[in-house]
C-alpha atoms as a PDB file:
ATOM      1  CA  UNK A   1       1.849   3.173   8.768  1.00  0.00           C
ATOM      2  CA  UNK A   2       4.405   6.133  10.597  1.00  0.00           C
ATOM      3  CA  UNK A   3       5.885   3.390  12.902  1.00  0.00           C
ATOM      4  CA  UNK A   4       8.191   1.151  11.323  1.00  0.00           C
ATOM      5  CA  UNK A   5       7.720  -1.677  14.018  1.00  0.00           C
ATOM      6  CA  UNK A   6       4.716  -2.157  12.471  1.00  0.00           C
ATOM      7  CA  UNK A   7       6.597  -3.784   9.117  1.00  0.00           C
ATOM      8  CA  UNK A   8       7.476  -6.591  11.670  1.00  0.00           C
ATOM      9  CA  UNK A   9       4.260  -7.975  13.827  1.00  0.00           C
ATOM     10  CA  UNK A  10       2.745 -11.228  13.006  1.00  0.00           C
ATOM     11  CA  UNK A  11      -0.553  -9.766  15.865  1.00  0.00           C
ATOM     12  CA  UNK A  12      -3.858  -8.050  15.008  1.00  0.00           C
ATOM     13  CA  UNK A  13      -5.328  -6.714  11.592  1.00  0.00           C
ATOM     14  CA  UNK A  14      -4.749  -4.614   8.850  1.00  0.00           C
ATOM     15  CA  UNK A  15      -7.231  -3.277   6.194  1.00  0.00           C
ATOM     16  CA  UNK A  16      -6.089  -2.814   2.410  1.00  0.00           C
ATOM     17  CA  UNK A  17      -4.899   0.868   2.490  1.00  0.00           C
ATOM     18  CA  UNK A  18      -2.170   0.497   4.898  1.00  0.00           C
ATOM     19  CA  UNK A  19      -1.434  -3.164   3.022  1.00  0.00           C
ATOM     20  CA  UNK A  20      -1.012  -1.156  -0.228  1.00  0.00           C
ATOM     21  CA  UNK A  21       1.466   1.376   1.112  1.00  0.00           C
ATOM     22  CA  UNK A  22       3.302  -1.106   3.000  1.00  0.00           C
ATOM     23  CA  UNK A  23       4.022  -3.086   0.154  1.00  0.00           C
ATOM     24  CA  UNK A  24       4.880  -0.490  -2.306  1.00  0.00           C
ATOM     25  CA  UNK A  25       7.606   0.644   0.263  1.00  0.00           C
ATOM     26  CA  UNK A  26       9.081  -2.864   0.670  1.00  0.00           C
ATOM     27  CA  UNK A  27       8.934  -2.737  -3.157  1.00  0.00           C
ATOM     28  CA  UNK A  28      10.226   0.259  -3.538  1.00  0.00           C
ATOM     29  CA  UNK A  29      13.346  -0.691  -0.704  1.00  0.00           C
ATOM     30  CA  UNK A  30      13.634  -4.185  -2.779  1.00  0.00           C
ATOM     31  CA  UNK A  31      14.126  -2.402  -6.375  1.00  0.00           C
ATOM     32  CA  UNK A  32      16.382   0.109  -4.825  1.00  0.00           C
ATOM     33  CA  UNK A  33      18.704  -2.457  -3.036  1.00  0.00           C
ATOM     34  CA  UNK A  34      18.611  -4.212  -6.497  1.00  0.00           C
ATOM     35  CA  UNK A  35      19.542  -0.704  -8.269  1.00  0.00           C
ATOM     36  CA  UNK A  36      22.937  -0.513  -5.972  1.00  0.00           C
ATOM     37  CA  UNK A  37      23.755  -4.257  -6.386  1.00  0.00           C
ATOM     38  CA  UNK A  38      23.053  -3.717 -10.373  1.00  0.00           C
ATOM     39  CA  UNK A  39      25.482  -0.602 -10.057  1.00  0.00           C
ATOM     40  CA  UNK A  40      27.789  -2.194  -7.957  1.00  0.00           C
ATOM     41  CA  UNK A  41      28.236  -5.296 -10.435  1.00  0.00           C
ATOM     42  CA  UNK A  42      28.464  -2.905 -13.188  1.00  0.00           C
ATOM     43  CA  UNK A  43      31.180  -1.219 -11.504  1.00  0.00           C
ATOM     44  CA  UNK A  44      33.692  -4.455 -10.851  1.00  0.00           C
ATOM     45  CA  UNK A  45      32.616  -6.102 -14.123  1.00  0.00           C
ATOM     46  CA  UNK A  46      32.633  -9.978 -13.698  1.00  0.00           C
ATOM     47  CA  UNK A  47      34.404 -10.551 -10.359  1.00  0.00           C
ATOM     48  CA  UNK A  48      31.743 -12.685  -8.587  1.00  0.00           C
ATOM     49  CA  UNK A  49      33.632 -12.910  -5.241  1.00  0.00           C
ATOM     50  CA  UNK A  50      33.489  -9.454  -4.397  1.00  0.00           C
ATOM     51  CA  UNK A  51      30.029  -9.042  -5.867  1.00  0.00           C
ATOM     52  CA  UNK A  52      28.790 -12.053  -3.246  1.00  0.00           C
ATOM     53  CA  UNK A  53      30.871 -10.430  -0.733  1.00  0.00           C
ATOM     54  CA  UNK A  54      28.440  -6.994  -1.244  1.00  0.00           C
ATOM     55  CA  UNK A  55      25.656  -9.201  -2.066  1.00  0.00           C
ATOM     56  CA  UNK A  56      26.278 -10.481   1.855  1.00  0.00           C
ATOM     57  CA  UNK A  57      26.137  -7.545   2.819  1.00  0.00           C
ATOM     58  CA  UNK A  58      22.511  -6.921   1.574  1.00  0.00           C
ATOM     59  CA  UNK A  59      21.531 -10.397   2.966  1.00  0.00           C
ATOM     60  CA  UNK A  60      19.943  -8.513   6.290  1.00  0.00           C
ATOM     61  CA  UNK A  61      18.059  -6.106   4.307  1.00  0.00           C
ATOM     62  CA  UNK A  62      16.385  -8.908   1.929  1.00  0.00           C
ATOM     63  CA  UNK A  63      15.401 -10.887   4.834  1.00  0.00           C
ATOM     64  CA  UNK A  64      13.963  -7.848   6.452  1.00  0.00           C
ATOM     65  CA  UNK A  65      12.014  -7.091   3.327  1.00  0.00           C
ATOM     66  CA  UNK A  66      10.662 -11.292   3.489  1.00  0.00           C
ATOM     67  CA  UNK A  67       9.890 -10.861   7.168  1.00  0.00           C
ATOM     68  CA  UNK A  68       7.966  -7.348   6.628  1.00  0.00           C
ATOM     69  CA  UNK A  69       6.233  -8.954   3.310  1.00  0.00           C
ATOM     70  CA  UNK A  70       4.883 -11.806   5.526  1.00  0.00           C
ATOM     71  CA  UNK A  71       3.916  -9.971   8.244  1.00  0.00           C
ATOM     72  CA  UNK A  72       1.698  -7.573   6.317  1.00  0.00           C
ATOM     73  CA  UNK A  73       0.609 -10.403   4.791  1.00  0.00           C
ATOM     74  CA  UNK A  74      -0.516 -12.536   7.889  1.00  0.00           C
ATOM     75  CA  UNK A  75      -2.034  -9.289   9.234  1.00  0.00           C
ATOM     76  CA  UNK A  76      -4.184  -9.068   6.002  1.00  0.00           C
ATOM     77  CA  UNK A  77      -5.366 -12.471   6.218  1.00  0.00           C
ATOM     78  CA  UNK A  78      -6.238 -11.820   9.780  1.00  0.00           C
ATOM     79  CA  UNK A  79      -8.365  -8.791   8.755  1.00  0.00           C
ATOM     80  CA  UNK A  80      -9.877 -11.646   6.684  1.00  0.00           C
ATOM     81  CA  UNK A  81     -10.531 -14.144   9.476  1.00  0.00           C
ATOM     82  CA  UNK A  82      -8.112 -16.268   7.828  1.00  0.00           C
ATOM     83  CA  UNK A  83      -5.244 -17.997   9.942  1.00  0.00           C
ATOM     84  CA  UNK A  84      -1.258 -17.436   9.200  1.00  0.00           C
ATOM     85  CA  UNK A  85      -1.455 -20.733   7.719  1.00  0.00           C
ATOM     86  CA  UNK A  86      -3.192 -19.358   4.422  1.00  0.00           C
ATOM     87  CA  UNK A  87      -0.032 -17.930   4.548  1.00  0.00           C
ATOM     88  CA  UNK A  88       1.549 -21.342   2.400  1.00  0.00           C
ATOM     89  CA  UNK A  89      -0.995 -21.330  -0.250  1.00  0.00           C
ATOM     90  CA  UNK A  90      -1.014 -17.957  -1.125  1.00  0.00           C
ATOM     91  CA  UNK A  91       2.764 -16.833  -0.915  1.00  0.00           C
ATOM     92  CA  UNK A  92       5.032 -20.006  -0.057  1.00  0.00           C
ATOM     93  CA  UNK A  93       3.376 -22.598  -2.657  1.00  0.00           C
ATOM     94  CA  UNK A  94       3.607 -20.021  -5.839  1.00  0.00           C
ATOM     95  CA  UNK A  95       7.155 -19.448  -5.076  1.00  0.00           C
ATOM     96  CA  UNK A  96       8.142 -23.157  -5.032  1.00  0.00           C
ATOM     97  CA  UNK A  97       6.240 -23.728  -8.271  1.00  0.00           C
ATOM     98  CA  UNK A  98       7.424 -20.607  -9.875  1.00  0.00           C
ATOM     99  CA  UNK A  99      10.776 -22.028  -9.338  1.00  0.00           C
ATOM    100  CA  UNK A 100       9.910 -24.441 -12.215  1.00  0.00           C
ATOM    101  CA  UNK A 101      10.446 -23.434 -15.427  1.00  0.00           C
ATOM    102  CA  UNK A 102       6.981 -23.136 -17.293  1.00  0.00           C
ATOM    103  CA  UNK A 103       5.064 -25.801 -16.436  1.00  0.00           C
ATOM    104  CA  UNK A 104       5.524 -24.515 -12.285  1.00  0.00           C
ATOM    105  CA  UNK A 105       4.909 -20.835 -13.329  1.00  0.00           C
ATOM    106  CA  UNK A 106       1.665 -21.881 -15.288  1.00  0.00           C
ATOM    107  CA  UNK A 107       0.237 -23.956 -12.082  1.00  0.00           C
ATOM    108  CA  UNK A 108       1.560 -21.030  -9.590  1.00  0.00           C
ATOM    109  CA  UNK A 109      -0.579 -18.240 -11.625  1.00  0.00           C
ATOM    110  CA  UNK A 110      -4.427 -19.289 -10.153  1.00  0.00           C
ATOM    111  CA  UNK A 111      -2.319 -18.942  -6.596  1.00  0.00           C
ATOM    112  CA  UNK A 112      -0.995 -15.995  -7.331  1.00  0.00           C
ATOM    113  CA  UNK A 113      -4.323 -14.615  -8.805  1.00  0.00           C
ATOM    114  CA  UNK A 114      -5.781 -15.796  -5.698  1.00  0.00           C
ATOM    115  CA  UNK A 115      -3.376 -14.041  -3.061  1.00  0.00           C
ATOM    116  CA  UNK A 116      -3.845 -10.556  -5.360  1.00  0.00           C
ATOM    117  CA  UNK A 117      -7.645 -10.888  -4.571  1.00  0.00           C
ATOM    118  CA  UNK A 118      -7.799 -12.131  -1.019  1.00  0.00           C
ATOM    119  CA  UNK A 119      -5.156  -9.671   0.679  1.00  0.00           C
ATOM    120  CA  UNK A 120      -5.353  -6.790  -1.937  1.00  0.00           C
ATOM    121  CA  UNK A 121      -8.811  -6.881  -3.036  1.00  0.00           C
ATOM    122  CA  UNK A 122     -11.483  -7.672  -0.918  1.00  0.00           C
ATOM    123  CA  UNK A 123     -12.310  -6.157   2.150  1.00  0.00           C
ATOM    124  CA  UNK A 124     -12.154  -7.487   5.896  1.00  0.00           C
ATOM    125  CA  UNK A 125     -14.386  -8.872   8.453  1.00  0.00           C
ATOM    126  CA  UNK A 126     -16.755  -6.171   9.354  1.00  0.00           C
ATOM    127  CA  UNK A 127     -16.475  -5.624  13.208  1.00  0.00           C
ATOM    128  CA  UNK A 128     -14.134  -7.305  15.536  1.00  0.00           C
ATOM    129  CA  UNK A 129     -13.212 -11.176  15.358  1.00  0.00           C
ATOM    130  CA  UNK A 130     -10.676 -13.393  17.000  1.00  0.00           C
ATOM    131  CA  UNK A 131      -8.165 -11.465  15.676  1.00  0.00           C
ATOM    132  CA  UNK A 132      -8.667  -7.946  16.942  1.00  0.00           C
ATOM    133  CA  UNK A 133     -10.900  -5.295  16.274  1.00  0.00           C
ATOM    134  CA  UNK A 134     -11.905  -4.190  13.122  1.00  0.00           C
ATOM    135  CA  UNK A 135      -9.407  -1.377  11.900  1.00  0.00           C
ATOM    136  CA  UNK A 136     -11.972   0.507   9.846  1.00  0.00           C
ATOM    137  CA  UNK A 137     -14.365   0.994  12.932  1.00  0.00           C
ATOM    138  CA  UNK A 138     -14.091   4.235  14.523  1.00  0.00           C
ATOM    139  CA  UNK A 139     -12.532   3.428  18.216  1.00  0.00           C
ATOM    140  CA  UNK A 140     -16.420   5.120  19.866  1.00  0.00           C
ATOM    141  CA  UNK A 141     -17.684   2.854  18.046  1.00  0.00           C
ATOM    142  CA  UNK A 142     -16.147   0.046  19.977  1.00  0.00           C
ATOM    143  CA  UNK A 143     -17.230   0.722  23.197  1.00  0.00           C
ATOM    144  CA  UNK A 144     -20.820   1.773  22.329  1.00  0.00           C
END
């Protein structure tokens, strides 16, 4: 968790504890950016041009947050011995469906619940899998 580059790699495995810690960190940064944008919007009033420019300054931060969220989700899927393509069902589909008023949100709910359980609640594969060694297995046991 100490190395910030861990947020941006898509290979390897990630167990539940670092997944939750990294997810909470990403949410905290996202909320902080939203708070700053909200404060700026209040300061300038209804000047949409100035707010758009300020929003564009935060665009790299938003892109980095999306990238980091995808990275930790993919590595969590790897820990569950699932391919990265599952992210389409667990994150992209609910996001697309959620953009449709009312019915889309209801349709996306089962996928969102599935994603919560799959990524955040279920234990990863015990032992090594095709994506790497078990992150919970002590290093000495790997070579024993």
